[in-house]
């Protein structure tokens, strides 16, 4: 019986679902496909740069066209569309308006 106790504890440790975090960002193509299929983990559904890129693509705008509408460079648009970007709320609002969409923020308990 003494041997069974630790084995049961070891089994239960593996019985829980694992919640792994990615150590590196996904590519936009992978993120977009997983989002379309509803397979993204909850913490990955709101990557600001990828959401803004998706809005630009759906509006059929090139980075250069969007840059002109926003009064910034094409390189600035490219930087914002990266996984690791951290755009301000004002930039996201202006970006989405230029793409014919709107930004909705909600705080709930």
PDB file of N, CA and C in Angstrom:
ATOM      1  N   UNK A   1       0.806  -1.207   0.000  1.00  0.00           N
ATOM      2  CA  UNK A   1       0.000   0.000   0.000  1.00  0.00           C
ATOM      3  C   UNK A   1       0.847   1.268   0.000  1.00  0.00           C
ATOM      4  N   UNK A   2       2.014   1.198   0.625  1.00  0.00           N
ATOM      5  CA  UNK A   2       2.875   2.365   0.674  1.00  0.00           C
ATOM      6  C   UNK A   2       3.309   2.810  -0.718  1.00  0.00           C
ATOM      7  N   UNK A   3       3.445   1.897  -1.641  1.00  0.00           N
ATOM      8  CA  UNK A   3       3.871   2.236  -3.001  1.00  0.00           C
ATOM      9  C   UNK A   3       2.743   2.863  -3.818  1.00  0.00           C
ATOM     10  N   UNK A   4       1.513   2.533  -3.510  1.00  0.00           N
ATOM     11  CA  UNK A   4       0.392   3.033  -4.295  1.00  0.00           C
ATOM     12  C   UNK A   4       0.126   4.518  -4.056  1.00  0.00           C
ATOM     13  N   UNK A   5       0.319   4.986  -2.837  1.00  0.00           N
ATOM     14  CA  UNK A   5       0.062   6.397  -2.508  1.00  0.00           C
ATOM     15  C   UNK A   5       0.772   7.375  -3.424  1.00  0.00           C
ATOM     16  N   UNK A   6       2.105   7.311  -3.529  1.00  0.00           N
ATOM     17  CA  UNK A   6       2.811   8.246  -4.404  1.00  0.00           C
ATOM     18  C   UNK A   6       2.421   8.108  -5.875  1.00  0.00           C
ATOM     19  N   UNK A   7       2.149   6.893  -6.329  1.00  0.00           N
ATOM     20  CA  UNK A   7       1.762   6.695  -7.727  1.00  0.00           C
ATOM     21  C   UNK A   7       0.452   7.407  -8.033  1.00  0.00           C
ATOM     22  N   UNK A   8      -0.485   7.359  -7.092  1.00  0.00           N
ATOM     23  CA  UNK A   8      -1.764   8.036  -7.288  1.00  0.00           C
ATOM     24  C   UNK A   8      -1.547   9.540  -7.364  1.00  0.00           C
ATOM     25  N   UNK A   9      -0.719  10.091  -6.503  1.00  0.00           N
ATOM     26  CA  UNK A   9      -0.436  11.529  -6.530  1.00  0.00           C
ATOM     27  C   UNK A   9       0.225  11.917  -7.846  1.00  0.00           C
ATOM     28  N   UNK A  10       1.145  11.101  -8.320  1.00  0.00           N
ATOM     29  CA  UNK A  10       1.816  11.380  -9.579  1.00  0.00           C
ATOM     30  C   UNK A  10       0.819  11.374 -10.737  1.00  0.00           C
ATOM     31  N   UNK A  11      -0.077  10.412 -10.742  1.00  0.00           N
ATOM     32  CA  UNK A  11      -1.094  10.331 -11.787  1.00  0.00           C
ATOM     33  C   UNK A  11      -1.993  11.563 -11.769  1.00  0.00           C
ATOM     34  N   UNK A  12      -2.398  11.974 -10.603  1.00  0.00           N
ATOM     35  CA  UNK A  12      -3.291  13.137 -10.512  1.00  0.00           C
ATOM     36  C   UNK A  12      -2.615  14.414 -10.986  1.00  0.00           C
ATOM     37  N   UNK A  13      -1.319  14.497 -10.836  1.00  0.00           N
ATOM     38  CA  UNK A  13      -0.610  15.679 -11.337  1.00  0.00           C
ATOM     39  C   UNK A  13      -0.726  15.777 -12.854  1.00  0.00           C
ATOM     40  N   UNK A  14      -0.756  14.625 -13.538  1.00  0.00           N
ATOM     41  CA  UNK A  14      -0.876  14.630 -14.993  1.00  0.00           C
ATOM     42  C   UNK A  14      -2.322  14.611 -15.448  1.00  0.00           C
ATOM     43  N   UNK A  15      -3.243  14.437 -14.529  1.00  0.00           N
ATOM     44  CA  UNK A  15      -4.666  14.357 -14.841  1.00  0.00           C
ATOM     45  C   UNK A  15      -5.252  15.728 -15.179  1.00  0.00           C
ATOM     46  N   UNK A  16      -4.635  16.800 -14.712  1.00  0.00           N
ATOM     47  CA  UNK A  16      -5.128  18.158 -14.955  1.00  0.00           C
ATOM     48  C   UNK A  16      -4.776  18.609 -16.376  1.00  0.00           C
ATOM     49  N   UNK A  17      -5.667  19.376 -16.994  1.00  0.00           N
ATOM     50  CA  UNK A  17      -5.323  19.890 -18.327  1.00  0.00           C
ATOM     51  C   UNK A  17      -4.177  20.893 -18.230  1.00  0.00           C
ATOM     52  N   UNK A  18      -3.266  20.816 -19.161  1.00  0.00           N
ATOM     53  CA  UNK A  18      -2.132  21.733 -19.168  1.00  0.00           C
ATOM     54  C   UNK A  18      -2.527  23.043 -19.827  1.00  0.00           C
ATOM     55  N   UNK A  19      -2.019  24.139 -19.301  1.00  0.00           N
ATOM     56  CA  UNK A  19      -2.236  25.449 -19.902  1.00  0.00           C
ATOM     57  C   UNK A  19      -0.872  26.006 -20.278  1.00  0.00           C
ATOM     58  N   UNK A  20      -0.456  25.711 -21.481  1.00  0.00           N
ATOM     59  CA  UNK A  20       0.850  26.146 -21.941  1.00  0.00           C
ATOM     60  C   UNK A  20       0.760  27.523 -22.579  1.00  0.00           C
ATOM     61  N   UNK A  21       1.761  28.327 -22.327  1.00  0.00           N
ATOM     62  CA  UNK A  21       1.885  29.625 -22.989  1.00  0.00           C
ATOM     63  C   UNK A  21       2.968  29.506 -24.043  1.00  0.00           C
ATOM     64  N   UNK A  22       2.768  30.189 -25.137  1.00  0.00           N
ATOM     65  CA  UNK A  22       3.767  30.146 -26.201  1.00  0.00           C
ATOM     66  C   UNK A  22       5.000  30.927 -25.766  1.00  0.00           C
ATOM     67  N   UNK A  23       6.160  30.417 -26.107  1.00  0.00           N
ATOM     68  CA  UNK A  23       7.394  31.119 -25.784  1.00  0.00           C
ATOM     69  C   UNK A  23       7.782  32.091 -26.894  1.00  0.00           C
ATOM     70  N   UNK A  24       7.173  31.944 -28.050  1.00  0.00           N
ATOM     71  CA  UNK A  24       7.434  32.881 -29.145  1.00  0.00           C
ATOM     72  C   UNK A  24       6.115  33.145 -29.870  1.00  0.00           C
ATOM     73  N   UNK A  25       6.012  34.277 -30.540  1.00  0.00           N
ATOM     74  CA  UNK A  25       4.752  34.626 -31.197  1.00  0.00           C
ATOM     75  C   UNK A  25       4.424  33.731 -32.376  1.00  0.00           C
ATOM     76  N   UNK A  26       3.136  33.616 -32.650  1.00  0.00           N
ATOM     77  CA  UNK A  26       2.683  32.912 -33.851  1.00  0.00           C
ATOM     78  C   UNK A  26       2.878  33.833 -35.051  1.00  0.00           C
ATOM     79  N   UNK A  27       2.909  33.243 -36.214  1.00  0.00           N
ATOM     80  CA  UNK A  27       2.881  34.055 -37.427  1.00  0.00           C
ATOM     81  C   UNK A  27       1.446  34.553 -37.601  1.00  0.00           C
ATOM     82  N   UNK A  28       1.280  35.619 -38.359  1.00  0.00           N
ATOM     83  CA  UNK A  28      -0.058  36.153 -38.579  1.00  0.00           C
ATOM     84  C   UNK A  28      -0.932  35.128 -39.293  1.00  0.00           C
ATOM     85  N   UNK A  29      -0.369  34.409 -40.264  1.00  0.00           N
ATOM     86  CA  UNK A  29      -1.149  33.425 -41.018  1.00  0.00           C
ATOM     87  C   UNK A  29      -1.680  32.331 -40.092  1.00  0.00           C
ATOM     88  N   UNK A  30      -0.841  31.839 -39.183  1.00  0.00           N
ATOM     89  CA  UNK A  30      -1.277  30.804 -38.245  1.00  0.00           C
ATOM     90  C   UNK A  30      -2.339  31.362 -37.293  1.00  0.00           C
ATOM     91  N   UNK A  31      -2.094  32.548 -36.751  1.00  0.00           N
ATOM     92  CA  UNK A  31      -3.037  33.176 -35.829  1.00  0.00           C
ATOM     93  C   UNK A  31      -4.385  33.391 -36.511  1.00  0.00           C
ATOM     94  N   UNK A  32      -4.357  33.890 -37.734  1.00  0.00           N
ATOM     95  CA  UNK A  32      -5.578  34.182 -38.471  1.00  0.00           C
ATOM     96  C   UNK A  32      -6.383  32.906 -38.729  1.00  0.00           C
ATOM     97  N   UNK A  33      -5.696  31.836 -39.129  1.00  0.00           N
ATOM     98  CA  UNK A  33      -6.388  30.564 -39.388  1.00  0.00           C
ATOM     99  C   UNK A  33      -6.990  30.005 -38.105  1.00  0.00           C
ATOM    100  N   UNK A  34      -6.231  29.992 -37.036  1.00  0.00           N
ATOM    101  CA  UNK A  34      -6.746  29.474 -35.758  1.00  0.00           C
ATOM    102  C   UNK A  34      -7.916  30.317 -35.259  1.00  0.00           C
ATOM    103  N   UNK A  35      -7.853  31.622 -35.482  1.00  0.00           N
ATOM    104  CA  UNK A  35      -8.959  32.507 -35.075  1.00  0.00           C
ATOM    105  C   UNK A  35     -10.217  32.184 -35.870  1.00  0.00           C
ATOM    106  N   UNK A  36     -10.051  31.990 -37.176  1.00  0.00           N
ATOM    107  CA  UNK A  36     -11.175  31.647 -38.046  1.00  0.00           C
ATOM    108  C   UNK A  36     -11.832  30.339 -37.621  1.00  0.00           C
ATOM    109  N   UNK A  37     -11.019  29.385 -37.197  1.00  0.00           N
ATOM    110  CA  UNK A  37     -11.519  28.073 -36.797  1.00  0.00           C
ATOM    111  C   UNK A  37     -11.985  28.034 -35.344  1.00  0.00           C
ATOM    112  N   UNK A  38     -11.825  29.145 -34.612  1.00  0.00           N
ATOM    113  CA  UNK A  38     -12.222  29.176 -33.207  1.00  0.00           C
ATOM    114  C   UNK A  38     -11.323  28.342 -32.310  1.00  0.00           C
ATOM    115  N   UNK A  39     -10.056  28.208 -32.674  1.00  0.00           N
ATOM    116  CA  UNK A  39      -9.120  27.347 -31.939  1.00  0.00           C
ATOM    117  C   UNK A  39      -8.046  28.114 -31.180  1.00  0.00           C
ATOM    118  N   UNK A  40      -8.150  29.433 -31.098  1.00  0.00           N
ATOM    119  CA  UNK A  40      -7.156  30.205 -30.361  1.00  0.00           C
ATOM    120  C   UNK A  40      -7.429  30.113 -28.864  1.00  0.00           C
ATOM    121  N   UNK A  41      -6.378  30.021 -28.045  1.00  0.00           N
ATOM    122  CA  UNK A  41      -6.594  30.107 -26.602  1.00  0.00           C
ATOM    123  C   UNK A  41      -7.148  31.497 -26.254  1.00  0.00           C
ATOM    124  N   UNK A  42      -7.910  31.602 -25.187  1.00  0.00           N
ATOM    125  CA  UNK A  42      -8.533  32.884 -24.810  1.00  0.00           C
ATOM    126  C   UNK A  42      -7.540  34.029 -24.718  1.00  0.00           C
ATOM    127  N   UNK A  43      -6.368  33.780 -24.171  1.00  0.00           N
ATOM    128  CA  UNK A  43      -5.404  34.864 -23.982  1.00  0.00           C
ATOM    129  C   UNK A  43      -4.791  35.328 -25.302  1.00  0.00           C
ATOM    130  N   UNK A  44      -4.998  34.589 -26.379  1.00  0.00           N
ATOM    131  CA  UNK A  44      -4.437  34.964 -27.676  1.00  0.00           C
ATOM    132  C   UNK A  44      -5.445  35.606 -28.616  1.00  0.00           C
ATOM    133  N   UNK A  45      -6.694  35.717 -28.221  1.00  0.00           N
ATOM    134  CA  UNK A  45      -7.707  36.235 -29.138  1.00  0.00           C
ATOM    135  C   UNK A  45      -7.624  37.742 -29.327  1.00  0.00           C
ATOM    136  N   UNK A  46      -6.969  38.433 -28.438  1.00  0.00           N
ATOM    137  CA  UNK A  46      -6.948  39.895 -28.475  1.00  0.00           C
ATOM    138  C   UNK A  46      -5.552  40.470 -28.654  1.00  0.00           C
ATOM    139  N   UNK A  47      -4.794  39.955 -29.587  1.00  0.00           N
ATOM    140  CA  UNK A  47      -3.468  40.497 -29.889  1.00  0.00           C
ATOM    141  C   UNK A  47      -3.690  41.772 -30.710  1.00  0.00           C
ATOM    142  N   UNK A  48      -3.455  42.960 -30.112  1.00  0.00           N
ATOM    143  CA  UNK A  48      -3.818  44.218 -30.795  1.00  0.00           C
ATOM    144  C   UNK A  48      -3.244  44.360 -32.199  1.00  0.00           C
ATOM    145  N   UNK A  49      -1.966  44.086 -32.367  1.00  0.00           N
ATOM    146  CA  UNK A  49      -1.349  44.247 -33.683  1.00  0.00           C
ATOM    147  C   UNK A  49      -1.993  43.379 -34.746  1.00  0.00           C
ATOM    148  N   UNK A  50      -2.292  42.130 -34.389  1.00  0.00           N
ATOM    149  CA  UNK A  50      -2.910  41.233 -35.361  1.00  0.00           C
ATOM    150  C   UNK A  50      -4.362  41.610 -35.632  1.00  0.00           C
ATOM    151  N   UNK A  51      -5.079  42.086 -34.627  1.00  0.00           N
ATOM    152  CA  UNK A  51      -6.456  42.534 -34.845  1.00  0.00           C
ATOM    153  C   UNK A  51      -6.490  43.735 -35.782  1.00  0.00           C
ATOM    154  N   UNK A  52      -5.538  44.660 -35.604  1.00  0.00           N
ATOM    155  CA  UNK A  52      -5.481  45.830 -36.478  1.00  0.00           C
ATOM    156  C   UNK A  52      -5.094  45.427 -37.904  1.00  0.00           C
ATOM    157  N   UNK A  53      -4.163  44.486 -38.024  1.00  0.00           N
ATOM    158  CA  UNK A  53      -3.794  43.999 -39.359  1.00  0.00           C
ATOM    159  C   UNK A  53      -4.990  43.340 -40.036  1.00  0.00           C
ATOM    160  N   UNK A  54      -5.746  42.554 -39.283  1.00  0.00           N
ATOM    161  CA  UNK A  54      -6.925  41.885 -39.832  1.00  0.00           C
ATOM    162  C   UNK A  54      -7.928  42.932 -40.332  1.00  0.00           C
ATOM    163  N   UNK A  55      -8.124  43.998 -39.572  1.00  0.00           N
ATOM    164  CA  UNK A  55      -9.048  45.062 -39.989  1.00  0.00           C
ATOM    165  C   UNK A  55      -8.572  45.722 -41.279  1.00  0.00           C
ATOM    166  N   UNK A  56      -7.260  45.959 -41.389  1.00  0.00           N
ATOM    167  CA  UNK A  56      -6.718  46.579 -42.614  1.00  0.00           C
ATOM    168  C   UNK A  56      -6.921  45.662 -43.809  1.00  0.00           C
ATOM    169  N   UNK A  57      -6.668  44.386 -43.633  1.00  0.00           N
ATOM    170  CA  UNK A  57      -6.827  43.425 -44.734  1.00  0.00           C
ATOM    171  C   UNK A  57      -8.291  43.337 -45.155  1.00  0.00           C
ATOM    172  N   UNK A  58      -9.195  43.289 -44.178  1.00  0.00           N
ATOM    173  CA  UNK A  58     -10.629  43.222 -44.503  1.00  0.00           C
ATOM    174  C   UNK A  58     -11.115  44.483 -45.202  1.00  0.00           C
ATOM    175  N   UNK A  59     -10.458  45.622 -44.951  1.00  0.00           N
ATOM    176  CA  UNK A  59     -10.810  46.868 -45.626  1.00  0.00           C
ATOM    177  C   UNK A  59     -10.132  46.981 -46.999  1.00  0.00           C
ATOM    178  N   UNK A  60      -9.355  45.966 -47.371  1.00  0.00           N
ATOM    179  CA  UNK A  60      -8.649  45.924 -48.658  1.00  0.00           C
ATOM    180  C   UNK A  60      -7.713  47.115 -48.833  1.00  0.00           C
ATOM    181  N   UNK A  61      -7.010  47.481 -47.765  1.00  0.00           N
ATOM    182  CA  UNK A  61      -6.048  48.576 -47.813  1.00  0.00           C
ATOM    183  C   UNK A  61      -4.639  48.022 -47.719  1.00  0.00           C
ATOM    184  N   UNK A  62      -3.725  48.629 -48.463  1.00  0.00           N
ATOM    185  CA  UNK A  62      -2.315  48.281 -48.310  1.00  0.00           C
ATOM    186  C   UNK A  62      -1.781  49.041 -47.101  1.00  0.00           C
ATOM    187  N   UNK A  63      -0.607  48.653 -46.630  1.00  0.00           N
ATOM    188  CA  UNK A  63       0.002  49.390 -45.520  1.00  0.00           C
ATOM    189  C   UNK A  63       0.250  50.838 -45.911  1.00  0.00           C
ATOM    190  N   UNK A  64       0.659  51.068 -47.151  1.00  0.00           N
ATOM    191  CA  UNK A  64       0.935  52.428 -47.614  1.00  0.00           C
ATOM    192  C   UNK A  64      -0.345  53.269 -47.638  1.00  0.00           C
ATOM    193  N   UNK A  65      -1.441  52.697 -48.131  1.00  0.00           N
ATOM    194  CA  UNK A  65      -2.709  53.444 -48.177  1.00  0.00           C
ATOM    195  C   UNK A  65      -3.188  53.802 -46.771  1.00  0.00           C
ATOM    196  N   UNK A  66      -3.074  52.855 -45.856  1.00  0.00           N
ATOM    197  CA  UNK A  66      -3.481  53.137 -44.486  1.00  0.00           C
ATOM    198  C   UNK A  66      -2.572  54.179 -43.856  1.00  0.00           C
ATOM    199  N   UNK A  67      -1.278  54.082 -44.119  1.00  0.00           N
ATOM    200  CA  UNK A  67      -0.320  55.052 -43.586  1.00  0.00           C
ATOM    201  C   UNK A  67      -0.679  56.467 -44.027  1.00  0.00           C
ATOM    202  N   UNK A  68      -1.056  56.620 -45.290  1.00  0.00           N
ATOM    203  CA  UNK A  68      -1.436  57.940 -45.797  1.00  0.00           C
ATOM    204  C   UNK A  68      -2.688  58.457 -45.097  1.00  0.00           C
ATOM    205  N   UNK A  69      -3.649  57.580 -44.850  1.00  0.00           N
ATOM    206  CA  UNK A  69      -4.877  57.991 -44.154  1.00  0.00           C
ATOM    207  C   UNK A  69      -4.587  58.405 -42.707  1.00  0.00           C
ATOM    208  N   UNK A  70      -3.610  57.743 -42.092  1.00  0.00           N
ATOM    209  CA  UNK A  70      -3.287  58.033 -40.695  1.00  0.00           C
ATOM    210  C   UNK A  70      -2.245  59.136 -40.540  1.00  0.00           C
ATOM    211  N   UNK A  71      -1.574  59.488 -41.628  1.00  0.00           N
ATOM    212  CA  UNK A  71      -0.522  60.503 -41.558  1.00  0.00           C
ATOM    213  C   UNK A  71       0.753  59.979 -40.916  1.00  0.00           C
ATOM    214  N   UNK A  72       1.051  58.701 -41.135  1.00  0.00           N
ATOM    215  CA  UNK A  72       2.277  58.089 -40.614  1.00  0.00           C
ATOM    216  C   UNK A  72       3.002  57.395 -41.764  1.00  0.00           C
ATOM    217  N   UNK A  73       4.135  56.797 -41.476  1.00  0.00           N
ATOM    218  CA  UNK A  73       4.876  56.084 -42.515  1.00  0.00           C
ATOM    219  C   UNK A  73       4.382  54.642 -42.640  1.00  0.00           C
ATOM    220  N   UNK A  74       4.703  54.025 -43.759  1.00  0.00           N
ATOM    221  CA  UNK A  74       4.372  52.615 -43.955  1.00  0.00           C
ATOM    222  C   UNK A  74       5.096  51.756 -42.929  1.00  0.00           C
ATOM    223  N   UNK A  75       6.313  52.147 -42.556  1.00  0.00           N
ATOM    224  CA  UNK A  75       7.073  51.398 -41.560  1.00  0.00           C
ATOM    225  C   UNK A  75       6.387  51.434 -40.200  1.00  0.00           C
ATOM    226  N   UNK A  76       5.754  52.559 -39.866  1.00  0.00           N
ATOM    227  CA  UNK A  76       5.029  52.662 -38.594  1.00  0.00           C
ATOM    228  C   UNK A  76       3.831  51.714 -38.588  1.00  0.00           C
ATOM    229  N   UNK A  77       3.134  51.625 -39.710  1.00  0.00           N
ATOM    230  CA  UNK A  77       2.003  50.700 -39.829  1.00  0.00           C
ATOM    231  C   UNK A  77       2.502  49.266 -39.652  1.00  0.00           C
ATOM    232  N   UNK A  78       3.612  48.937 -40.298  1.00  0.00           N
ATOM    233  CA  UNK A  78       4.181  47.598 -40.190  1.00  0.00           C
ATOM    234  C   UNK A  78       4.535  47.255 -38.746  1.00  0.00           C
ATOM    235  N   UNK A  79       5.122  48.197 -38.030  1.00  0.00           N
ATOM    236  CA  UNK A  79       5.489  47.948 -36.624  1.00  0.00           C
ATOM    237  C   UNK A  79       4.267  47.707 -35.750  1.00  0.00           C
ATOM    238  N   UNK A  80       3.201  48.463 -35.980  1.00  0.00           N
ATOM    239  CA  UNK A  80       1.982  48.303 -35.178  1.00  0.00           C
ATOM    240  C   UNK A  80       1.348  46.938 -35.434  1.00  0.00           C
ATOM    241  N   UNK A  81       1.492  46.395 -36.612  1.00  0.00           N
ATOM    242  CA  UNK A  81       0.851  45.128 -36.967  1.00  0.00           C
ATOM    243  C   UNK A  81       1.584  43.899 -36.442  1.00  0.00           C
ATOM    244  N   UNK A  82       2.615  44.088 -35.653  1.00  0.00           N
ATOM    245  CA  UNK A  82       3.362  42.958 -35.117  1.00  0.00           C
ATOM    246  C   UNK A  82       2.724  42.438 -33.835  1.00  0.00           C
ATOM    247  N   UNK A  83       3.016  41.181 -33.528  1.00  0.00           N
ATOM    248  CA  UNK A  83       2.513  40.504 -32.328  1.00  0.00           C
ATOM    249  C   UNK A  83       2.824  41.305 -31.067  1.00  0.00           C
ATOM    250  N   UNK A  84       4.023  41.827 -30.977  1.00  0.00           N
ATOM    251  CA  UNK A  84       4.492  42.460 -29.744  1.00  0.00           C
ATOM    252  C   UNK A  84       4.139  43.944 -29.632  1.00  0.00           C
ATOM    253  N   UNK A  85       3.406  44.490 -30.583  1.00  0.00           N
ATOM    254  CA  UNK A  85       3.103  45.923 -30.526  1.00  0.00           C
ATOM    255  C   UNK A  85       2.148  46.228 -29.371  1.00  0.00           C
ATOM    256  N   UNK A  86       2.192  47.461 -28.930  1.00  0.00           N
ATOM    257  CA  UNK A  86       1.350  47.912 -27.827  1.00  0.00           C
ATOM    258  C   UNK A  86       0.763  49.279 -28.189  1.00  0.00           C
ATOM    259  N   UNK A  87      -0.157  49.322 -29.162  1.00  0.00           N
ATOM    260  CA  UNK A  87      -0.694  50.608 -29.624  1.00  0.00           C
ATOM    261  C   UNK A  87      -1.590  51.249 -28.575  1.00  0.00           C
ATOM    262  N   UNK A  88      -1.671  52.567 -28.640  1.00  0.00           N
ATOM    263  CA  UNK A  88      -2.561  53.290 -27.731  1.00  0.00           C
ATOM    264  C   UNK A  88      -4.008  53.113 -28.187  1.00  0.00           C
ATOM    265  N   UNK A  89      -4.916  53.393 -27.291  1.00  0.00           N
ATOM    266  CA  UNK A  89      -6.340  53.303 -27.621  1.00  0.00           C
ATOM    267  C   UNK A  89      -6.677  54.316 -28.709  1.00  0.00           C
ATOM    268  N   UNK A  90      -6.092  55.496 -28.638  1.00  0.00           N
ATOM    269  CA  UNK A  90      -6.356  56.513 -29.657  1.00  0.00           C
ATOM    270  C   UNK A  90      -5.900  56.047 -31.037  1.00  0.00           C
ATOM    271  N   UNK A  91      -4.711  55.444 -31.118  1.00  0.00           N
ATOM    272  CA  UNK A  91      -4.238  54.936 -32.406  1.00  0.00           C
ATOM    273  C   UNK A  91      -5.156  53.834 -32.913  1.00  0.00           C
ATOM    274  N   UNK A  92      -5.575  52.928 -32.054  1.00  0.00           N
ATOM    275  CA  UNK A  92      -6.472  51.856 -32.488  1.00  0.00           C
ATOM    276  C   UNK A  92      -7.796  52.429 -33.000  1.00  0.00           C
ATOM    277  N   UNK A  93      -8.317  53.434 -32.308  1.00  0.00           N
ATOM    278  CA  UNK A  93      -9.573  54.061 -32.737  1.00  0.00           C
ATOM    279  C   UNK A  93      -9.421  54.695 -34.112  1.00  0.00           C
ATOM    280  N   UNK A  94      -8.354  55.497 -34.306  1.00  0.00           N
ATOM    281  CA  UNK A  94      -8.130  56.151 -35.600  1.00  0.00           C
ATOM    282  C   UNK A  94      -7.889  55.133 -36.705  1.00  0.00           C
ATOM    283  N   UNK A  95      -7.129  54.082 -36.397  1.00  0.00           N
ATOM    284  CA  UNK A  95      -6.817  53.011 -37.356  1.00  0.00           C
ATOM    285  C   UNK A  95      -8.100  52.356 -37.847  1.00  0.00           C
ATOM    286  N   UNK A  96      -8.945  51.979 -36.893  1.00  0.00           N
ATOM    287  CA  UNK A  96     -10.180  51.283 -37.257  1.00  0.00           C
ATOM    288  C   UNK A  96     -11.147  52.192 -38.002  1.00  0.00           C
ATOM    289  N   UNK A  97     -11.212  53.467 -37.641  1.00  0.00           N
ATOM    290  CA  UNK A  97     -12.042  54.405 -38.392  1.00  0.00           C
ATOM    291  C   UNK A  97     -11.549  54.527 -39.826  1.00  0.00           C
ATOM    292  N   UNK A  98     -10.226  54.541 -40.022  1.00  0.00           N
ATOM    293  CA  UNK A  98      -9.659  54.608 -41.373  1.00  0.00           C
ATOM    294  C   UNK A  98      -9.983  53.343 -42.169  1.00  0.00           C
ATOM    295  N   UNK A  99     -10.250  52.248 -41.470  1.00  0.00           N
ATOM    296  CA  UNK A  99     -10.600  50.975 -42.117  1.00  0.00           C
ATOM    297  C   UNK A  99     -12.112  50.777 -42.213  1.00  0.00           C
ATOM    298  N   UNK A 100     -12.896  51.765 -41.801  1.00  0.00           N
ATOM    299  CA  UNK A 100     -14.345  51.661 -41.878  1.00  0.00           C
ATOM    300  C   UNK A 100     -14.945  50.822 -40.761  1.00  0.00           C
ATOM    301  N   UNK A 101     -14.235  50.716 -39.651  1.00  0.00           N
ATOM    302  CA  UNK A 101     -14.732  49.959 -38.495  1.00  0.00           C
ATOM    303  C   UNK A 101     -14.713  50.884 -37.281  1.00  0.00           C
ATOM    304  N   UNK A 102     -15.095  50.352 -36.143  1.00  0.00           N
ATOM    305  CA  UNK A 102     -15.028  51.163 -34.925  1.00  0.00           C
ATOM    306  C   UNK A 102     -14.508  50.311 -33.772  1.00  0.00           C
ATOM    307  N   UNK A 103     -13.933  50.993 -32.810  1.00  0.00           N
ATOM    308  CA  UNK A 103     -13.367  50.334 -31.640  1.00  0.00           C
ATOM    309  C   UNK A 103     -14.394  50.357 -30.516  1.00  0.00           C
ATOM    310  N   UNK A 104     -14.607  49.209 -29.906  1.00  0.00           N
ATOM    311  CA  UNK A 104     -15.498  49.119 -28.757  1.00  0.00           C
ATOM    312  C   UNK A 104     -14.709  48.562 -27.583  1.00  0.00           C
ATOM    313  N   UNK A 105     -14.629  49.329 -26.513  1.00  0.00           N
ATOM    314  CA  UNK A 105     -13.987  48.872 -25.284  1.00  0.00           C
ATOM    315  C   UNK A 105     -15.066  48.679 -24.238  1.00  0.00           C
ATOM    316  N   UNK A 106     -14.929  47.620 -23.471  1.00  0.00           N
ATOM    317  CA  UNK A 106     -15.933  47.363 -22.444  1.00  0.00           C
ATOM    318  C   UNK A 106     -15.247  46.864 -21.194  1.00  0.00           C
ATOM    319  N   UNK A 107     -15.682  47.364 -20.067  1.00  0.00           N
ATOM    320  CA  UNK A 107     -15.211  46.877 -18.774  1.00  0.00           C
ATOM    321  C   UNK A 107     -16.422  46.287 -18.077  1.00  0.00           C
ATOM    322  N   UNK A 108     -16.302  45.053 -17.637  1.00  0.00           N
ATOM    323  CA  UNK A 108     -17.414  44.420 -16.957  1.00  0.00           C
ATOM    324  C   UNK A 108     -16.891  43.617 -15.781  1.00  0.00           C
ATOM    325  N   UNK A 109     -17.778  43.328 -14.872  1.00  0.00           N
ATOM    326  CA  UNK A 109     -17.415  42.527 -13.700  1.00  0.00           C
ATOM    327  C   UNK A 109     -18.086  41.190 -13.757  1.00  0.00           C
TER     328      UNK A 109
END
